[in-house]
N, C-alpha and C. Protein backbone atom coordinates (compact mmCIF):
# COMPACT_ATOMS: atom_id res chain seq x y z
N UNK A 1 -2.98 138.11 169.24
CA UNK A 1 -1.86 138.92 169.80
C UNK A 1 -1.95 139.67 168.84
N UNK A 2 -1.43 141.21 169.60
CA UNK A 2 -1.23 141.99 168.61
C UNK A 2 0.39 142.33 168.91
N UNK A 3 0.71 143.19 167.85
CA UNK A 3 1.99 143.41 168.17
C UNK A 3 2.44 144.57 169.78
N UNK A 4 1.87 145.03 170.27
CA UNK A 4 1.75 145.75 171.63
C UNK A 4 1.64 144.21 172.36
N UNK A 5 0.67 143.69 172.56
CA UNK A 5 0.96 142.37 173.86
C UNK A 5 2.15 142.20 173.63
N UNK A 6 2.74 141.79 175.07
CA UNK A 6 3.95 140.72 175.15
C UNK A 6 3.51 139.15 175.60
N UNK A 7 4.69 138.52 174.84
CA UNK A 7 4.10 136.82 174.85
C UNK A 7 4.50 136.04 175.76
N UNK A 8 3.95 135.37 176.60
CA UNK A 8 4.21 134.82 177.40
C UNK A 8 4.74 133.49 177.57
N UNK A 9 4.66 132.81 176.45
CA UNK A 9 5.53 131.63 175.93
C UNK A 9 6.51 132.22 174.55
N UNK A 10 7.84 132.23 175.19
CA UNK A 10 8.24 132.48 174.50
C UNK A 10 9.11 130.95 173.38
N UNK A 11 8.73 130.12 173.96
CA UNK A 11 9.06 129.01 173.33
C UNK A 11 8.43 129.02 171.98
N UNK A 12 7.08 129.41 172.04
CA UNK A 12 6.17 129.28 170.88
C UNK A 12 7.13 130.21 169.55
N UNK A 13 8.24 131.29 169.94
CA UNK A 13 8.46 132.02 168.95
C UNK A 13 9.75 131.68 168.38
N UNK A 14 10.55 130.43 169.33
CA UNK A 14 11.67 130.04 169.08
C UNK A 14 12.13 128.57 168.21
N UNK A 15 10.94 128.05 168.41
CA UNK A 15 11.62 126.49 168.18
C UNK A 15 10.70 126.29 167.22
N UNK A 16 10.48 125.62 165.97
CA UNK A 16 9.52 124.96 165.26
C UNK A 16 9.94 123.43 165.54
N UNK A 17 8.87 122.58 165.79
CA UNK A 17 8.83 121.25 165.70
C UNK A 17 8.28 120.85 164.90
N UNK A 18 9.20 119.57 164.56
CA UNK A 18 9.05 118.88 163.04
C UNK A 18 10.37 118.92 161.78
N UNK A 19 9.75 118.52 160.68
CA UNK A 19 10.48 118.92 159.51
C UNK A 19 10.03 119.82 158.22
N UNK A 20 11.09 120.59 158.08
CA UNK A 20 11.06 121.71 157.30
C UNK A 20 11.63 121.13 155.95
N UNK A 21 11.27 120.81 155.03
CA UNK A 21 11.22 120.92 153.42
C UNK A 21 11.60 122.27 153.12
N UNK A 22 12.81 121.94 152.41
CA UNK A 22 13.85 122.75 151.41
C UNK A 22 14.18 122.06 150.01
N UNK A 23 13.53 123.11 149.03
CA UNK A 23 14.38 122.35 147.78
C UNK A 23 14.81 124.09 146.98
N UNK A 24 15.61 124.07 146.50
CA UNK A 24 16.55 125.07 145.90
C UNK A 24 16.70 124.66 144.56
N UNK A 25 17.23 125.37 143.83
CA UNK A 25 18.00 125.59 142.45
C UNK A 25 19.12 126.25 142.18
N UNK A 26 20.38 125.83 142.40
CA UNK A 26 21.26 126.83 142.29
C UNK A 26 21.91 126.98 141.09
N UNK A 27 22.32 128.22 140.53
CA UNK A 27 23.13 128.21 139.44
C UNK A 27 24.35 128.92 139.47
N UNK A 28 25.09 128.32 138.78
CA UNK A 28 26.39 128.37 138.58
C UNK A 28 26.51 129.88 138.50
N UNK A 29 25.73 130.89 137.45
CA UNK A 29 26.26 132.13 136.90
C UNK A 29 27.08 131.92 135.47
N UNK A 30 27.45 133.05 135.23
CA UNK A 30 27.72 133.50 133.79
C UNK A 30 29.22 132.35 134.01
N UNK A 31 30.08 133.18 134.47
CA UNK A 31 31.63 132.40 134.74
C UNK A 31 31.88 131.10 135.07
N UNK A 32 30.72 130.12 136.01
CA UNK A 32 30.69 128.95 136.61
C UNK A 32 30.15 127.98 135.30
N UNK A 33 29.11 128.54 134.16
CA UNK A 33 28.87 128.14 133.12
C UNK A 33 30.01 127.73 132.19
N UNK A 34 30.43 128.75 132.13
CA UNK A 34 31.36 128.83 131.45
C UNK A 34 32.61 127.53 131.43
N UNK A 35 33.12 128.17 133.05
CA UNK A 35 34.08 127.14 133.20
C UNK A 35 33.50 125.47 133.01
N UNK A 36 32.40 125.11 133.55
CA UNK A 36 32.11 123.84 133.60
C UNK A 36 31.32 123.47 131.76
N UNK A 37 30.91 124.26 131.08
CA UNK A 37 30.98 124.02 129.49
C UNK A 37 32.04 123.36 128.72
N UNK A 38 33.08 124.40 129.14
CA UNK A 38 34.75 124.50 128.53
C UNK A 38 35.50 123.49 128.95
N UNK A 39 35.13 122.90 130.57
CA UNK A 39 35.20 121.54 130.72
C UNK A 39 34.81 120.41 130.31
N UNK A 40 33.25 120.07 130.24
CA UNK A 40 32.82 119.34 129.44
C UNK A 40 33.58 119.07 127.94
N UNK A 41 33.01 120.21 127.09
CA UNK A 41 33.65 120.30 125.62
C UNK A 41 34.84 119.95 125.08
N UNK A 42 35.61 120.47 125.55
CA UNK A 42 37.03 120.81 125.73
C UNK A 42 37.93 120.01 126.27
N UNK A 43 37.77 119.54 127.65
CA UNK A 43 38.18 119.24 128.93
C UNK A 43 39.63 120.15 129.33
N UNK A 44 39.20 121.61 129.30
CA UNK A 44 40.25 122.38 129.72
C UNK A 44 39.84 122.81 131.26
N UNK A 45 40.25 123.12 131.93
CA UNK A 45 40.51 123.95 133.59
C UNK A 45 40.62 125.37 133.09
N UNK A 46 39.60 126.24 132.94
CA UNK A 46 39.81 127.64 133.01
C UNK A 46 39.84 128.71 134.22
N UNK A 47 41.00 129.47 134.24
CA UNK A 47 41.03 130.35 135.05
C UNK A 47 40.31 131.77 134.67
N UNK A 48 40.57 132.55 135.57
CA UNK A 48 40.12 134.13 135.07
C UNK A 48 41.00 134.87 135.25
N UNK A 49 42.06 135.74 134.74
CA UNK A 49 42.72 136.65 134.82
C UNK A 49 42.36 138.48 135.15
N UNK A 50 42.84 138.81 136.34
CA UNK A 50 42.17 140.33 136.25
C UNK A 50 43.58 141.21 135.42
N UNK A 51 42.70 141.74 134.30
CA UNK A 51 43.50 142.57 133.64
C UNK A 51 44.38 144.08 134.71
N UNK A 52 43.88 144.36 135.69
CA UNK A 52 44.65 145.25 136.66
C UNK A 52 45.24 144.74 137.52
N UNK A 53 45.02 143.54 138.32
CA UNK A 53 45.94 142.69 139.25
C UNK A 53 46.98 142.11 138.31
N UNK A 54 46.48 141.60 137.38
CA UNK A 54 47.40 140.50 136.76
C UNK A 54 47.33 138.84 137.57
N UNK A 55 46.35 138.98 138.34
CA UNK A 55 46.15 137.31 139.08
C UNK A 55 45.34 136.89 138.04
N UNK A 56 45.46 135.64 138.11
CA UNK A 56 44.47 134.65 137.92
C UNK A 56 44.12 133.83 139.17
N UNK A 57 42.91 133.31 138.85
CA UNK A 57 41.93 132.81 140.24
C UNK A 57 41.01 131.57 139.26
N UNK A 58 41.16 131.07 140.33
CA UNK A 58 40.10 129.59 140.18
C UNK A 58 39.82 129.17 141.36
N UNK A 59 37.89 128.85 141.20
CA UNK A 59 37.77 128.74 140.42
C UNK A 59 36.89 130.07 139.77
N UNK A 60 37.29 130.79 138.41
CA UNK A 60 36.82 131.80 137.68
C UNK A 60 35.52 132.42 137.97
N UNK A 61 35.94 133.52 137.79
CA UNK A 61 34.64 134.76 138.30
C UNK A 61 34.52 135.83 137.64
N UNK A 62 33.67 136.58 137.65
CA UNK A 62 33.53 137.97 137.29
C UNK A 62 34.28 138.93 137.18
N UNK A 63 33.72 139.26 138.54
CA UNK A 63 34.84 140.27 138.96
C UNK A 63 35.96 140.09 139.89
N UNK A 64 36.79 141.28 139.99
CA UNK A 64 37.83 140.65 140.74
C UNK A 64 37.44 140.91 141.89
N UNK A 65 38.03 140.14 143.53
CA UNK A 65 37.95 140.39 144.35
C UNK A 65 39.17 141.19 145.22
N UNK A 66 40.19 141.84 144.37
CA UNK A 66 41.10 142.43 144.80
C UNK A 66 40.51 144.11 144.75
N UNK A 67 40.45 144.31 143.14
CA UNK A 67 40.23 145.79 142.49
C UNK A 67 38.82 145.56 141.49
N UNK A 68 38.19 145.02 142.27
CA UNK A 68 36.45 144.85 141.98
C UNK A 68 36.62 144.88 139.89
N UNK A 69 37.58 144.58 139.35
CA UNK A 69 37.75 145.17 138.04
C UNK A 69 37.06 144.08 137.59
N UNK A 70 36.15 144.27 135.46
CA UNK A 70 35.95 142.99 135.24
C UNK A 70 37.12 142.06 134.85
N UNK A 71 36.80 140.35 135.05
CA UNK A 71 37.96 140.04 134.75
C UNK A 71 37.82 139.67 133.52
N UNK A 72 39.20 139.88 132.96
CA UNK A 72 39.61 140.15 131.20
C UNK A 72 39.81 138.52 130.65
N UNK A 73 40.80 137.91 130.57
CA UNK A 73 41.26 137.03 129.82
C UNK A 73 41.19 135.45 130.80
N UNK A 74 40.57 134.41 130.03
CA UNK A 74 40.30 133.11 130.32
C UNK A 74 41.23 132.41 130.09
N UNK A 75 41.79 131.86 130.74
CA UNK A 75 43.62 131.08 130.41
C UNK A 75 43.35 129.83 130.98
N UNK A 76 43.96 128.49 130.31
CA UNK A 76 43.47 127.06 130.38
C UNK A 76 44.61 126.98 131.70
N UNK A 77 44.41 126.91 132.65
CA UNK A 77 45.67 126.48 133.82
C UNK A 77 46.13 125.17 133.75
N UNK A 78 45.97 124.26 132.86
CA UNK A 78 46.61 123.06 132.56
C UNK A 78 46.04 121.90 133.85
N UNK A 79 46.24 120.94 133.60
CA UNK A 79 45.54 119.88 134.72
C UNK A 79 46.65 119.41 135.74
N UNK A 80 47.73 119.68 135.83
CA UNK A 80 48.69 120.07 136.68
C UNK A 80 48.62 120.75 137.96
N UNK A 81 49.07 119.81 138.98
CA UNK A 81 48.78 120.94 140.19
C UNK A 81 49.69 120.48 141.62
N UNK A 82 49.10 120.64 142.45
CA UNK A 82 49.79 120.43 143.67
C UNK A 82 49.04 119.89 144.97
N UNK A 83 49.38 119.49 145.81
CA UNK A 83 48.63 119.16 147.00
C UNK A 83 48.77 120.10 147.93
N UNK A 84 47.66 121.40 147.98
CA UNK A 84 47.72 122.16 148.89
C UNK A 84 47.71 121.46 150.64
N UNK A 85 46.46 120.76 150.40
CA UNK A 85 45.84 120.14 152.25
C UNK A 85 45.18 119.20 151.41
N UNK A 86 44.71 117.98 152.72
CA UNK A 86 43.85 117.02 152.17
C UNK A 86 42.91 116.46 153.30
N UNK A 87 42.20 115.58 153.15
CA UNK A 87 41.53 114.81 154.34
C UNK A 87 41.24 113.79 153.85
N UNK A 88 41.06 112.97 155.02
CA UNK A 88 40.74 111.60 154.44
C UNK A 88 38.98 110.92 155.06
N UNK A 89 38.37 110.69 154.38
CA UNK A 89 36.88 110.44 155.16
C UNK A 89 36.48 108.70 154.95
N UNK A 90 36.46 108.66 155.92
CA UNK A 90 36.01 106.89 156.40
C UNK A 90 34.72 106.68 156.65
N UNK A 91 33.98 107.69 156.36
CA UNK A 91 32.30 107.91 156.34
C UNK A 91 31.96 108.24 155.15
N UNK A 92 31.04 107.32 154.97
CA UNK A 92 29.85 108.48 153.75
C UNK A 92 28.91 109.43 154.18
N UNK A 93 28.59 110.32 152.82
CA UNK A 93 27.73 111.02 153.90
C UNK A 93 26.39 111.22 154.08
N UNK A 94 26.06 109.56 154.19
CA UNK A 94 24.94 108.96 155.06
C UNK A 94 25.18 108.53 156.59
N UNK A 95 26.93 108.32 156.49
CA UNK A 95 27.13 107.85 157.92
C UNK A 95 27.53 106.69 158.37
N UNK A 96 27.45 106.38 156.99
CA UNK A 96 27.82 104.66 156.76
C UNK A 96 29.77 104.47 156.30
N UNK A 97 29.98 103.64 157.05
CA UNK A 97 31.65 103.29 157.02
C UNK A 97 31.82 103.11 155.42
N UNK A 98 32.60 103.53 154.90
CA UNK A 98 33.40 103.31 153.74
C UNK A 98 34.37 101.86 153.69
N UNK A 99 33.68 101.06 152.57
CA UNK A 99 34.84 100.13 152.27
C UNK A 99 36.09 100.82 152.48
N UNK A 100 36.51 101.84 151.40
CA UNK A 100 37.93 101.97 151.05
C UNK A 100 37.72 103.66 151.44
N UNK A 101 38.71 103.94 152.41
CA UNK A 101 38.98 105.61 152.79
C UNK A 101 39.16 106.39 151.41
N UNK A 102 38.24 107.41 151.59
CA UNK A 102 38.28 108.31 150.34
C UNK A 102 39.13 109.40 150.87
N UNK A 103 39.97 110.06 149.89
CA UNK A 103 41.03 111.00 150.02
C UNK A 103 40.31 112.53 149.31
N UNK A 104 40.25 113.52 150.08
CA UNK A 104 40.08 114.73 149.16
C UNK A 104 41.00 116.22 149.32
N UNK A 105 41.34 116.62 148.45
CA UNK A 105 42.31 117.51 148.56
C UNK A 105 42.04 119.14 148.01
N UNK A 106 42.77 119.57 148.46
CA UNK A 106 42.68 121.41 147.89
C UNK A 106 44.17 121.07 146.47
N UNK A 107 43.75 121.46 145.43
CA UNK A 107 44.79 121.12 144.69
C UNK A 107 44.82 122.47 143.97
N UNK A 108 46.32 122.79 143.92
CA UNK A 108 46.59 124.32 143.59
C UNK A 108 47.32 124.40 142.19
N UNK A 109 47.35 125.37 141.30
CA UNK A 109 47.36 125.36 140.27
C UNK A 109 48.71 126.43 140.17
N UNK A 110 49.82 125.72 139.38
CA UNK A 110 50.88 126.93 139.28
C UNK A 110 50.33 128.27 138.76
N UNK A 111 51.02 129.18 139.75
CA UNK A 111 50.53 130.80 138.97
C UNK A 111 49.10 131.30 139.02
N UNK A 112 48.24 130.47 140.28
CA UNK A 112 46.72 130.63 140.27
C UNK A 112 46.95 130.75 141.45
N UNK A 113 45.95 131.99 141.99
CA UNK A 113 45.11 131.46 143.45
C UNK A 113 44.07 130.79 143.13
N UNK A 114 43.41 130.30 144.61
CA UNK A 114 42.63 129.20 144.81
C UNK A 114 42.81 127.99 144.34
N UNK A 115 41.91 127.33 143.67
CA UNK A 115 42.06 125.75 143.50
C UNK A 115 40.75 124.88 143.55
N UNK A 116 41.01 123.85 143.18
CA UNK A 116 40.02 122.68 143.07
C UNK A 116 39.81 122.26 144.53
N UNK A 117 38.78 121.77 145.14
CA UNK A 117 38.88 120.51 146.01
C UNK A 117 37.98 119.24 145.36
N UNK A 118 38.83 118.43 145.27
CA UNK A 118 38.65 116.95 144.92
C UNK A 118 39.21 115.93 145.30
N UNK A 119 38.32 114.67 144.56
CA UNK A 119 39.18 113.28 145.28
C UNK A 119 40.45 113.31 144.86
N UNK A 120 41.23 112.38 145.29
CA UNK A 120 42.51 112.27 144.87
C UNK A 120 42.34 110.91 144.97
N UNK A 121 42.94 110.23 143.59
CA UNK A 121 43.18 108.86 143.39
C UNK A 121 44.17 108.46 144.27
N UNK A 122 44.36 108.23 145.07
CA UNK A 122 45.78 107.66 145.88
C UNK A 122 45.50 107.22 147.21
N UNK A 123 46.10 105.64 147.58
CA UNK A 123 45.78 105.45 149.20
C UNK A 123 46.61 106.72 150.00
N UNK A 124 45.47 106.46 151.03
CA UNK A 124 46.12 107.41 152.37
C UNK A 124 47.54 108.14 152.32
N UNK A 125 48.21 106.50 152.88
CA UNK A 125 49.53 106.71 153.50
C UNK A 125 50.08 107.39 152.30
N UNK A 126 50.18 106.90 150.74
CA UNK A 126 50.98 107.92 149.77
C UNK A 126 50.78 109.28 149.80
N UNK A 127 49.51 109.89 149.79
CA UNK A 127 49.44 111.02 149.98
C UNK A 127 50.11 112.13 150.96
N UNK A 128 50.55 112.97 150.25
CA UNK A 128 51.87 114.15 150.63
C UNK A 128 51.43 115.67 150.79
N UNK A 129 51.54 116.49 151.59
CA UNK A 129 51.25 118.01 150.97
C UNK A 129 52.51 118.36 149.88
N UNK A 130 51.94 118.69 149.05
CA UNK A 130 53.05 118.85 147.91
C UNK A 130 53.39 118.49 146.82
N UNK A 131 52.49 116.71 146.83
CA UNK A 131 52.99 116.57 145.87
C UNK A 131 51.99 116.72 144.49
N UNK A 132 52.71 116.28 143.21
CA UNK A 132 52.12 116.54 141.98
C UNK A 132 51.34 115.90 141.74
N UNK A 133 49.99 116.32 141.01
CA UNK A 133 48.84 115.32 140.46
C UNK A 133 48.27 116.06 139.13
N UNK A 134 47.52 114.87 138.70
CA UNK A 134 47.22 115.63 137.68
C UNK A 134 45.73 115.24 137.40
N UNK A 135 44.88 116.22 136.58
CA UNK A 135 43.26 115.45 136.60
C UNK A 135 42.94 114.52 135.75
N UNK A 136 42.41 113.85 135.80
CA UNK A 136 41.95 112.58 135.22
C UNK A 136 40.63 113.29 134.89
N UNK A 137 40.14 113.53 133.31
CA UNK A 137 38.83 113.35 133.23
C UNK A 137 37.93 112.16 133.39
N UNK A 138 36.83 112.71 132.94
CA UNK A 138 35.65 111.79 132.40
C UNK A 138 35.92 111.30 130.74
N UNK A 139 35.62 110.17 129.68
CA UNK A 139 35.17 110.02 128.26
C UNK A 139 34.22 111.70 127.97
N UNK A 140 34.75 112.19 127.09
CA UNK A 140 33.93 113.05 126.65
C UNK A 140 32.77 112.62 126.91
N UNK A 141 31.90 111.69 125.82
CA UNK A 141 30.75 110.98 126.10
C UNK A 141 30.12 111.05 127.57
N UNK A 142 30.69 110.80 128.53
CA UNK A 142 30.40 111.15 129.85
C UNK A 142 30.33 112.00 130.55
N UNK A 143 30.84 112.92 129.98
CA UNK A 143 31.20 114.44 130.50
C UNK A 143 29.74 114.87 130.76
N UNK A 144 29.07 115.97 131.38
CA UNK A 144 27.64 116.55 131.80
C UNK A 144 27.91 117.87 131.84
N UNK A 145 29.06 118.60 132.36
CA UNK A 145 29.34 120.03 132.89
C UNK A 145 29.21 120.19 133.99
N UNK A 146 29.67 119.19 135.07
CA UNK A 146 30.06 119.38 136.50
C UNK A 146 31.17 118.85 136.51
N UNK A 147 31.74 119.57 137.73
CA UNK A 147 32.91 119.03 138.80
C UNK A 147 33.13 118.08 138.38
N UNK A 148 32.03 116.89 138.31
CA UNK A 148 32.65 115.57 138.41
C UNK A 148 32.97 114.98 137.06
N UNK A 149 33.10 115.98 136.01
CA UNK A 149 34.01 115.49 134.72
C UNK A 149 35.45 115.71 134.82
N UNK A 150 35.46 116.16 136.18
CA UNK A 150 37.31 115.55 136.20
C UNK A 150 36.92 114.34 137.06
N UNK A 151 37.04 113.39 137.14
CA UNK A 151 37.31 112.17 137.76
C UNK A 151 37.64 112.40 138.88
N UNK A 152 39.02 112.42 139.05
CA UNK A 152 39.85 112.88 140.17
C UNK A 152 40.96 113.06 139.66
N UNK A 153 42.19 113.64 140.71
CA UNK A 153 43.72 113.85 140.55
C UNK A 153 44.41 112.84 140.77
N UNK A 154 45.42 112.23 140.25
CA UNK A 154 46.15 110.98 139.97
C UNK A 154 47.57 111.45 140.48
N UNK A 155 48.19 110.75 141.44
CA UNK A 155 49.80 111.72 141.68
C UNK A 155 50.60 111.33 140.17
N UNK A 156 51.35 112.07 140.42
CA UNK A 156 52.44 111.97 138.61
C UNK A 156 53.26 112.51 139.53
């Protein structure tokens, strides 16, 4: 069929029957690389501060999303934060029931915009919005330069 002819079988163009495999490699970029290597090597959670807006953001990025300035200072935001919101998972990623529920939360840090989504190591009934938590890092020798270098956030 040429581009001038009209298709009489629209399903032939709208659907793909079967499986399509997709593989990809995700790059963390310059800011992500610095964030993860510092977390791995020094055990610090870094944010980036805009020299113009004076806002510190987490996760850090190369450019300010407000004024488009290049981010200046990288700062240690500490390991203590507060639960902004949370969810309780009772089913695993493969659809299997979990033996114990897992609590995931958005952790916000003082004077920082954004935050981190991570596991909260507490019984679901004990987790509250606004509760203080502290990052528990894996031992240095077990860190690999990923978000899982933070084992969990524990109430404190």
